[in-house]
Structures are given as C-alpha cells and as structure tokens.
Amino acid sequence: MKVSDILRVKGGTLFTVSPDDSLAKAVSCMSEQDIGSLVVMQRGELVGMLTFREVIQAVVQNGGALGNSLVRHVMDDHPLTCTPDTEIDEVRRMMLGRHARYMPVMAQTTLMGVISFYDVAKAVVDSQDFENRMLKAYIRDWPVEGRDERPAAN
C-alpha cells in the first residue's frame, strides 16, 4: 500500500499558513478547522510544519501565553516528507523514528496533501481487516478431503 492510496480516500483539503503569520492566527485556524497541523508555505514552497506540539512548546516558553510569536519562530523548519509513491511501511518507520504525527506529501516541489499517523494506522487496520475477511472466506470454502463437498442441509 502506498501514500497515494491514503490520499485518494482522504481527499485533498489542505490548510496552510505563512511563516510571517502570527501564531495566534495559526492556532485559531487549527481550532476552527479541528486539525492538528498546518503546512507552512512561502511563495508556493514548503518551508515548515506547525503542529500542536510546537504550539504547546511555544506557549510553555512564553509563560502560558501565545504572545506575539510568528509561525516562523515556532515551526519545524525541517519536517519529514514523503511522496505519493512511498510505501506505508516506510512512512510508519519514518514517523515512529521522529515521533512525527503529521507528514506532508510532496511530488517534487508540489504539496499533494498531509497524512497523519492516524491515517496510516487506519489504512493498515483496514487492509488487515480486508485480508482477514478474504482468508476467512477462503478457509470457509476450503474442501475437506473425504467429505461430501456439498453444504449440509439444515
């Protein structure tokens, strides 16, 4: 399974912020949209990621307030990225290795979407459920040697 499979199901809604936007504006957008991350874009290019992790760290450093911080001072300016062709198992390893909950999906310099650890986990569980159903159906229809292969009448 590839990242493109997740994006196909998830859809293409993206929320972005500029590095020169205020942190308060970014947090407001995250709250209004009920999302845990924003992609930071400047002149059409990915320059960072802002997640609730960076927001919480900024609030703690600011004595419990957002203050006048700009997104650029808080964002992760070297976020993990993947491509639509990246295998889900590789994405899982990358996210676990960096404790990343969100990952931008890039096709060269074009932002294709953002996947979350939840999206990856859901895709894996859905795939395993499908495989389990197929295996159970296969086993249920398996003929037993020496027995009448017709279903028993009730």
N, C-alpha and C. Protein backbone atom coordinates (compact mmCIF):
# COMPACT_ATOMS: atom_id res chain seq x y z
N MET A 1 0.85 -1.17 0.00
CA MET A 1 0.00 0.00 0.00
C MET A 1 0.90 1.24 0.00
N LYS A 2 0.45 2.25 -0.72
CA LYS A 2 1.24 3.48 -0.86
C LYS A 2 0.49 4.68 -0.30
N VAL A 3 1.23 5.77 -0.11
CA VAL A 3 0.66 7.01 0.40
C VAL A 3 -0.46 7.50 -0.51
N SER A 4 -0.32 7.31 -1.81
CA SER A 4 -1.35 7.75 -2.75
C SER A 4 -2.70 7.09 -2.45
N ASP A 5 -2.69 5.86 -1.92
CA ASP A 5 -3.93 5.18 -1.56
C ASP A 5 -4.64 5.90 -0.41
N ILE A 6 -3.86 6.38 0.55
CA ILE A 6 -4.44 7.14 1.67
C ILE A 6 -5.00 8.47 1.16
N LEU A 7 -4.23 9.17 0.33
CA LEU A 7 -4.68 10.47 -0.17
C LEU A 7 -5.95 10.34 -0.99
N ARG A 8 -6.09 9.26 -1.74
CA ARG A 8 -7.28 9.04 -2.56
C ARG A 8 -8.53 8.96 -1.68
N VAL A 9 -8.42 8.28 -0.55
CA VAL A 9 -9.54 8.13 0.37
C VAL A 9 -9.77 9.40 1.18
N LYS A 10 -8.69 10.01 1.60
CA LYS A 10 -8.75 11.17 2.50
C LYS A 10 -9.28 12.43 1.83
N GLY A 11 -8.97 12.61 0.57
CA GLY A 11 -9.37 13.84 -0.11
C GLY A 11 -8.26 14.86 -0.11
N GLY A 12 -8.50 16.00 -0.75
CA GLY A 12 -7.43 16.94 -0.97
C GLY A 12 -7.51 18.25 -0.24
N THR A 13 -8.28 18.35 0.83
CA THR A 13 -8.37 19.61 1.56
C THR A 13 -7.07 19.87 2.31
N LEU A 14 -6.48 21.04 2.07
CA LEU A 14 -5.22 21.40 2.71
C LEU A 14 -5.36 22.74 3.41
N PHE A 15 -4.75 22.86 4.56
CA PHE A 15 -4.73 24.12 5.28
C PHE A 15 -3.28 24.54 5.45
N THR A 16 -3.00 25.76 5.03
CA THR A 16 -1.64 26.26 5.09
C THR A 16 -1.59 27.59 5.83
N VAL A 17 -0.38 27.97 6.18
CA VAL A 17 -0.14 29.23 6.87
C VAL A 17 1.19 29.78 6.34
N SER A 18 1.37 31.06 6.44
CA SER A 18 2.63 31.70 6.05
C SER A 18 3.56 31.77 7.25
N PRO A 19 4.86 31.72 7.05
CA PRO A 19 5.78 31.82 8.18
C PRO A 19 5.70 33.18 8.88
N ASP A 20 5.18 34.19 8.19
CA ASP A 20 5.06 35.52 8.79
C ASP A 20 3.72 35.78 9.45
N ASP A 21 2.83 34.76 9.44
CA ASP A 21 1.56 34.88 10.16
C ASP A 21 1.82 34.78 11.66
N SER A 22 0.95 35.35 12.43
CA SER A 22 1.09 35.25 13.88
C SER A 22 0.72 33.85 14.33
N LEU A 23 1.32 33.43 15.41
CA LEU A 23 1.00 32.13 15.98
C LEU A 23 -0.47 32.09 16.41
N ALA A 24 -0.97 33.22 16.89
CA ALA A 24 -2.38 33.30 17.31
C ALA A 24 -3.31 33.01 16.13
N LYS A 25 -2.99 33.57 14.95
CA LYS A 25 -3.80 33.32 13.76
C LYS A 25 -3.76 31.84 13.38
N ALA A 26 -2.58 31.25 13.43
CA ALA A 26 -2.42 29.84 13.09
C ALA A 26 -3.20 28.94 14.05
N VAL A 27 -3.11 29.23 15.34
CA VAL A 27 -3.82 28.43 16.34
C VAL A 27 -5.33 28.58 16.15
N SER A 28 -5.77 29.76 15.83
CA SER A 28 -7.19 30.00 15.57
C SER A 28 -7.66 29.15 14.38
N CYS A 29 -6.88 29.10 13.32
CA CYS A 29 -7.21 28.29 12.15
C CYS A 29 -7.27 26.81 12.52
N MET A 30 -6.28 26.35 13.29
CA MET A 30 -6.26 24.94 13.71
C MET A 30 -7.50 24.61 14.53
N SER A 31 -7.90 25.53 15.40
CA SER A 31 -9.08 25.31 16.23
C SER A 31 -10.35 25.30 15.39
N GLU A 32 -10.51 26.29 14.51
CA GLU A 32 -11.71 26.39 13.68
C GLU A 32 -11.87 25.18 12.77
N GLN A 33 -10.78 24.67 12.24
CA GLN A 33 -10.84 23.55 11.30
C GLN A 33 -10.74 22.19 12.01
N ASP A 34 -10.51 22.20 13.32
CA ASP A 34 -10.35 20.98 14.12
C ASP A 34 -9.25 20.09 13.53
N ILE A 35 -8.07 20.71 13.33
CA ILE A 35 -6.93 19.99 12.77
C ILE A 35 -5.73 20.14 13.71
N GLY A 36 -4.80 19.23 13.59
CA GLY A 36 -3.64 19.24 14.48
C GLY A 36 -2.38 19.77 13.85
N SER A 37 -2.46 20.19 12.57
CA SER A 37 -1.26 20.68 11.91
C SER A 37 -1.61 21.65 10.78
N LEU A 38 -0.64 22.48 10.47
CA LEU A 38 -0.72 23.37 9.31
C LEU A 38 0.59 23.27 8.55
N VAL A 39 0.49 23.24 7.24
CA VAL A 39 1.68 23.26 6.41
C VAL A 39 2.08 24.72 6.26
N VAL A 40 3.35 25.01 6.46
CA VAL A 40 3.85 26.38 6.33
C VAL A 40 4.42 26.54 4.93
N MET A 41 3.81 27.44 4.16
CA MET A 41 4.19 27.66 2.77
C MET A 41 4.62 29.11 2.57
N GLN A 42 5.63 29.29 1.73
CA GLN A 42 6.08 30.63 1.37
C GLN A 42 6.42 30.63 -0.12
N ARG A 43 5.79 31.54 -0.85
CA ARG A 43 5.98 31.64 -2.30
C ARG A 43 5.78 30.28 -2.99
N GLY A 44 4.77 29.54 -2.55
CA GLY A 44 4.44 28.26 -3.17
C GLY A 44 5.33 27.10 -2.79
N GLU A 45 6.22 27.29 -1.83
CA GLU A 45 7.12 26.21 -1.42
C GLU A 45 6.92 25.85 0.05
N LEU A 46 7.08 24.59 0.34
CA LEU A 46 7.02 24.10 1.71
C LEU A 46 8.24 24.60 2.47
N VAL A 47 8.01 25.31 3.59
CA VAL A 47 9.13 25.79 4.40
C VAL A 47 9.06 25.27 5.83
N GLY A 48 7.97 24.59 6.18
CA GLY A 48 7.87 24.06 7.53
C GLY A 48 6.52 23.43 7.83
N MET A 49 6.40 22.95 9.06
CA MET A 49 5.17 22.35 9.56
C MET A 49 4.93 22.92 10.94
N LEU A 50 3.68 23.22 11.21
CA LEU A 50 3.29 23.68 12.55
C LEU A 50 2.28 22.68 13.08
N THR A 51 2.61 22.05 14.21
CA THR A 51 1.69 21.11 14.83
C THR A 51 1.41 21.56 16.25
N PHE A 52 0.46 20.89 16.88
CA PHE A 52 0.13 21.27 18.26
C PHE A 52 1.34 21.09 19.17
N ARG A 53 2.28 20.22 18.81
CA ARG A 53 3.49 20.03 19.62
C ARG A 53 4.30 21.33 19.69
N GLU A 54 4.53 21.96 18.53
CA GLU A 54 5.28 23.22 18.50
C GLU A 54 4.51 24.34 19.20
N VAL A 55 3.20 24.33 19.05
CA VAL A 55 2.38 25.36 19.71
C VAL A 55 2.49 25.23 21.22
N ILE A 56 2.38 24.02 21.73
CA ILE A 56 2.47 23.81 23.18
C ILE A 56 3.84 24.22 23.71
N GLN A 57 4.90 23.88 22.97
CA GLN A 57 6.24 24.27 23.40
C GLN A 57 6.38 25.79 23.45
N ALA A 58 5.81 26.47 22.46
CA ALA A 58 5.88 27.94 22.43
C ALA A 58 5.10 28.55 23.59
N VAL A 59 3.94 27.99 23.89
CA VAL A 59 3.13 28.50 24.99
C VAL A 59 3.87 28.33 26.32
N VAL A 60 4.49 27.18 26.51
CA VAL A 60 5.24 26.94 27.75
C VAL A 60 6.41 27.92 27.85
N GLN A 61 7.14 28.11 26.76
CA GLN A 61 8.28 29.04 26.77
C GLN A 61 7.83 30.48 27.00
N ASN A 62 6.59 30.78 26.65
CA ASN A 62 6.05 32.14 26.78
C ASN A 62 5.27 32.31 28.08
N GLY A 63 5.48 31.45 29.03
CA GLY A 63 4.81 31.59 30.32
C GLY A 63 3.32 31.35 30.27
N GLY A 64 2.86 30.51 29.34
CA GLY A 64 1.45 30.16 29.28
C GLY A 64 0.63 30.98 28.31
N ALA A 65 1.28 31.82 27.51
CA ALA A 65 0.56 32.66 26.54
C ALA A 65 1.14 32.47 25.15
N LEU A 66 0.33 32.78 24.14
CA LEU A 66 0.83 32.73 22.76
C LEU A 66 1.80 33.87 22.48
N GLY A 67 1.55 34.99 23.08
CA GLY A 67 2.42 36.15 22.87
C GLY A 67 2.32 36.66 21.45
N ASN A 68 3.36 37.31 20.99
CA ASN A 68 3.40 37.88 19.65
C ASN A 68 4.24 37.05 18.69
N SER A 69 4.43 35.79 18.99
CA SER A 69 5.28 34.93 18.17
C SER A 69 4.76 34.81 16.75
N LEU A 70 5.69 34.70 15.83
CA LEU A 70 5.36 34.40 14.44
C LEU A 70 5.52 32.90 14.22
N VAL A 71 4.81 32.39 13.24
CA VAL A 71 4.89 30.97 12.91
C VAL A 71 6.34 30.57 12.64
N ARG A 72 7.11 31.40 11.95
CA ARG A 72 8.48 31.06 11.58
C ARG A 72 9.37 30.78 12.80
N HIS A 73 9.06 31.38 13.95
CA HIS A 73 9.87 31.17 15.15
C HIS A 73 9.50 29.91 15.91
N VAL A 74 8.40 29.30 15.53
CA VAL A 74 7.86 28.16 16.26
C VAL A 74 7.87 26.88 15.43
N MET A 75 7.71 27.00 14.13
CA MET A 75 7.51 25.86 13.23
C MET A 75 8.72 24.92 13.19
N ASP A 76 8.47 23.71 12.76
CA ASP A 76 9.53 22.75 12.45
C ASP A 76 9.96 23.09 11.02
N ASP A 77 11.18 23.60 10.88
CA ASP A 77 11.61 24.04 9.56
C ASP A 77 12.31 22.94 8.75
N HIS A 78 12.32 21.71 9.27
CA HIS A 78 12.84 20.56 8.55
C HIS A 78 11.89 19.37 8.73
N PRO A 79 10.64 19.52 8.27
CA PRO A 79 9.69 18.42 8.50
C PRO A 79 10.01 17.21 7.63
N LEU A 80 9.65 16.05 8.14
CA LEU A 80 9.72 14.84 7.34
C LEU A 80 8.73 14.99 6.19
N THR A 81 9.09 14.50 5.03
CA THR A 81 8.16 14.47 3.90
C THR A 81 8.23 13.11 3.25
N CYS A 82 7.22 12.82 2.47
CA CYS A 82 7.20 11.59 1.68
C CYS A 82 6.59 11.93 0.32
N THR A 83 6.56 10.96 -0.56
CA THR A 83 5.96 11.14 -1.87
C THR A 83 4.70 10.27 -1.95
N PRO A 84 3.88 10.49 -2.96
CA PRO A 84 2.71 9.61 -3.12
C PRO A 84 3.09 8.15 -3.33
N ASP A 85 4.31 7.89 -3.83
CA ASP A 85 4.74 6.52 -4.10
C ASP A 85 5.42 5.84 -2.91
N THR A 86 5.58 6.55 -1.80
CA THR A 86 6.22 5.97 -0.63
C THR A 86 5.31 4.88 -0.05
N GLU A 87 5.92 3.75 0.28
CA GLU A 87 5.17 2.64 0.89
C GLU A 87 4.77 3.01 2.31
N ILE A 88 3.60 2.56 2.72
CA ILE A 88 3.07 2.86 4.05
C ILE A 88 3.99 2.34 5.15
N ASP A 89 4.59 1.18 4.96
CA ASP A 89 5.51 0.65 5.99
C ASP A 89 6.69 1.58 6.20
N GLU A 90 7.20 2.19 5.13
CA GLU A 90 8.30 3.14 5.25
C GLU A 90 7.85 4.40 5.97
N VAL A 91 6.65 4.88 5.66
CA VAL A 91 6.10 6.07 6.34
C VAL A 91 5.96 5.80 7.83
N ARG A 92 5.48 4.62 8.17
CA ARG A 92 5.34 4.25 9.58
C ARG A 92 6.68 4.30 10.30
N ARG A 93 7.70 3.71 9.68
CA ARG A 93 9.05 3.72 10.28
C ARG A 93 9.55 5.16 10.45
N MET A 94 9.36 5.99 9.41
CA MET A 94 9.83 7.37 9.48
C MET A 94 9.11 8.14 10.59
N MET A 95 7.80 7.98 10.67
CA MET A 95 7.03 8.72 11.68
C MET A 95 7.38 8.26 13.08
N LEU A 96 7.53 6.97 13.26
CA LEU A 96 7.90 6.46 14.58
C LEU A 96 9.30 6.91 14.98
N GLY A 97 10.21 6.92 14.02
CA GLY A 97 11.59 7.31 14.30
C GLY A 97 11.72 8.75 14.75
N ARG A 98 10.87 9.63 14.23
CA ARG A 98 10.94 11.06 14.58
C ARG A 98 9.80 11.50 15.50
N HIS A 99 8.97 10.56 15.92
CA HIS A 99 7.80 10.89 16.74
C HIS A 99 6.92 11.92 16.04
N ALA A 100 6.83 11.80 14.72
CA ALA A 100 6.04 12.74 13.92
C ALA A 100 4.60 12.23 13.80
N ARG A 101 3.67 13.13 14.00
CA ARG A 101 2.26 12.77 13.87
C ARG A 101 1.68 13.19 12.52
N TYR A 102 2.37 14.07 11.82
CA TYR A 102 1.90 14.59 10.54
C TYR A 102 3.05 14.64 9.55
N MET A 103 2.75 14.36 8.28
CA MET A 103 3.78 14.36 7.26
C MET A 103 3.24 14.91 5.94
N PRO A 104 3.87 15.98 5.45
CA PRO A 104 3.47 16.49 4.13
C PRO A 104 3.85 15.49 3.04
N VAL A 105 3.00 15.42 2.03
CA VAL A 105 3.24 14.55 0.89
C VAL A 105 3.60 15.44 -0.30
N MET A 106 4.78 15.24 -0.84
CA MET A 106 5.29 16.10 -1.90
C MET A 106 5.54 15.30 -3.18
N ALA A 107 5.17 15.90 -4.31
CA ALA A 107 5.55 15.38 -5.63
C ALA A 107 6.49 16.44 -6.20
N GLN A 108 7.77 16.18 -6.12
CA GLN A 108 8.83 17.17 -6.37
C GLN A 108 8.59 18.38 -5.45
N THR A 109 8.22 19.52 -5.98
CA THR A 109 8.01 20.70 -5.15
C THR A 109 6.53 21.01 -4.92
N THR A 110 5.64 20.12 -5.36
CA THR A 110 4.20 20.35 -5.23
C THR A 110 3.65 19.62 -4.01
N LEU A 111 2.96 20.35 -3.15
CA LEU A 111 2.32 19.76 -1.97
C LEU A 111 1.06 19.02 -2.42
N MET A 112 1.02 17.73 -2.16
CA MET A 112 -0.11 16.89 -2.57
C MET A 112 -1.11 16.67 -1.44
N GLY A 113 -0.65 16.82 -0.20
CA GLY A 113 -1.52 16.59 0.94
C GLY A 113 -0.70 16.42 2.20
N VAL A 114 -1.39 16.09 3.27
CA VAL A 114 -0.75 15.80 4.55
C VAL A 114 -1.39 14.53 5.08
N ILE A 115 -0.56 13.61 5.53
CA ILE A 115 -1.10 12.42 6.17
C ILE A 115 -0.71 12.44 7.63
N SER A 116 -1.58 11.86 8.43
CA SER A 116 -1.34 11.80 9.87
C SER A 116 -1.03 10.37 10.27
N PHE A 117 -0.51 10.21 11.47
CA PHE A 117 -0.26 8.87 11.98
C PHE A 117 -1.57 8.11 12.07
N TYR A 118 -2.66 8.81 12.39
CA TYR A 118 -3.99 8.20 12.42
C TYR A 118 -4.34 7.65 11.04
N ASP A 119 -4.11 8.44 9.98
CA ASP A 119 -4.40 7.99 8.61
C ASP A 119 -3.65 6.71 8.28
N VAL A 120 -2.37 6.66 8.67
CA VAL A 120 -1.54 5.50 8.40
C VAL A 120 -2.06 4.29 9.18
N ALA A 121 -2.35 4.49 10.47
CA ALA A 121 -2.85 3.39 11.29
C ALA A 121 -4.19 2.87 10.76
N LYS A 122 -5.07 3.76 10.37
CA LYS A 122 -6.38 3.37 9.83
C LYS A 122 -6.21 2.57 8.54
N ALA A 123 -5.32 3.01 7.67
CA ALA A 123 -5.08 2.29 6.41
C ALA A 123 -4.55 0.89 6.67
N VAL A 124 -3.65 0.76 7.63
CA VAL A 124 -3.09 -0.56 7.95
C VAL A 124 -4.18 -1.46 8.53
N VAL A 125 -4.97 -0.94 9.46
CA VAL A 125 -6.05 -1.74 10.07
C VAL A 125 -7.08 -2.15 9.01
N ASP A 126 -7.47 -1.21 8.15
CA ASP A 126 -8.44 -1.53 7.10
C ASP A 126 -7.90 -2.61 6.16
N SER A 127 -6.63 -2.51 5.81
CA SER A 127 -6.00 -3.50 4.94
C SER A 127 -5.97 -4.88 5.61
N GLN A 128 -5.61 -4.90 6.89
CA GLN A 128 -5.57 -6.17 7.62
C GLN A 128 -6.97 -6.77 7.77
N ASP A 129 -7.96 -5.92 8.01
CA ASP A 129 -9.34 -6.41 8.11
C ASP A 129 -9.78 -7.06 6.79
N PHE A 130 -9.46 -6.40 5.67
CA PHE A 130 -9.80 -6.94 4.36
C PHE A 130 -9.12 -8.29 4.14
N GLU A 131 -7.82 -8.36 4.44
CA GLU A 131 -7.09 -9.62 4.28
C GLU A 131 -7.68 -10.71 5.17
N ASN A 132 -8.04 -10.38 6.40
CA ASN A 132 -8.64 -11.36 7.31
C ASN A 132 -9.96 -11.88 6.76
N ARG A 133 -10.79 -10.97 6.23
CA ARG A 133 -12.07 -11.41 5.66
C ARG A 133 -11.85 -12.33 4.47
N MET A 134 -10.87 -12.00 3.62
CA MET A 134 -10.58 -12.84 2.46
C MET A 134 -10.07 -14.22 2.88
N LEU A 135 -9.17 -14.24 3.87
CA LEU A 135 -8.65 -15.52 4.36
C LEU A 135 -9.75 -16.37 4.99
N LYS A 136 -10.61 -15.74 5.77
CA LYS A 136 -11.71 -16.48 6.39
C LYS A 136 -12.66 -17.03 5.34
N ALA A 137 -12.94 -16.27 4.31
CA ALA A 137 -13.81 -16.74 3.23
C ALA A 137 -13.15 -17.90 2.49
N TYR A 138 -11.85 -17.79 2.27
CA TYR A 138 -11.10 -18.85 1.60
C TYR A 138 -11.12 -20.12 2.43
N ILE A 139 -10.86 -20.01 3.72
CA ILE A 139 -10.83 -21.17 4.61
C ILE A 139 -12.21 -21.80 4.72
N ARG A 140 -13.24 -20.97 4.81
CA ARG A 140 -14.60 -21.46 4.95
C ARG A 140 -14.99 -22.28 3.71
N ASP A 141 -14.50 -21.92 2.54
CA ASP A 141 -14.84 -22.62 1.30
C ASP A 141 -13.87 -23.73 0.95
N TRP A 142 -12.88 -23.98 1.81
CA TRP A 142 -11.86 -25.00 1.56
C TRP A 142 -12.50 -26.39 1.61
N PRO A 143 -12.36 -27.17 0.55
CA PRO A 143 -12.95 -28.53 0.59
C PRO A 143 -12.11 -29.44 1.49
N VAL A 144 -12.80 -30.29 2.24
CA VAL A 144 -12.14 -31.24 3.12
C VAL A 144 -12.14 -32.59 2.42
N GLU A 145 -10.96 -33.21 2.27
CA GLU A 145 -10.85 -34.50 1.58
C GLU A 145 -11.63 -35.56 2.35
N GLY A 146 -12.32 -36.39 1.57
CA GLY A 146 -13.04 -37.49 2.20
C GLY A 146 -14.43 -37.13 2.67
N ARG A 147 -14.77 -35.84 2.57
CA ARG A 147 -16.12 -35.41 2.98
C ARG A 147 -16.89 -34.97 1.77
N ASP A 148 -18.17 -35.05 1.88
CA ASP A 148 -19.02 -34.54 0.82
C ASP A 148 -18.82 -33.03 0.77
N GLU A 149 -18.52 -32.49 -0.39
CA GLU A 149 -18.20 -31.08 -0.51
C GLU A 149 -19.44 -30.20 -0.55
N ARG A 150 -20.61 -30.81 -0.59
CA ARG A 150 -21.83 -30.01 -0.61
C ARG A 150 -22.16 -29.55 0.81
N PRO A 151 -22.69 -28.32 0.95
CA PRO A 151 -23.08 -27.87 2.28
C PRO A 151 -24.18 -28.75 2.85
N ALA A 152 -24.13 -28.95 4.13
CA ALA A 152 -25.15 -29.77 4.80
C ALA A 152 -26.46 -29.04 4.81
N ALA A 153 -27.55 -29.77 4.61
CA ALA A 153 -28.89 -29.18 4.65
C ALA A 153 -29.33 -29.09 6.10
N ASN A 154 -29.99 -28.00 6.44
CA ASN A 154 -30.47 -27.83 7.82
C ASN A 154 -31.87 -28.26 7.96
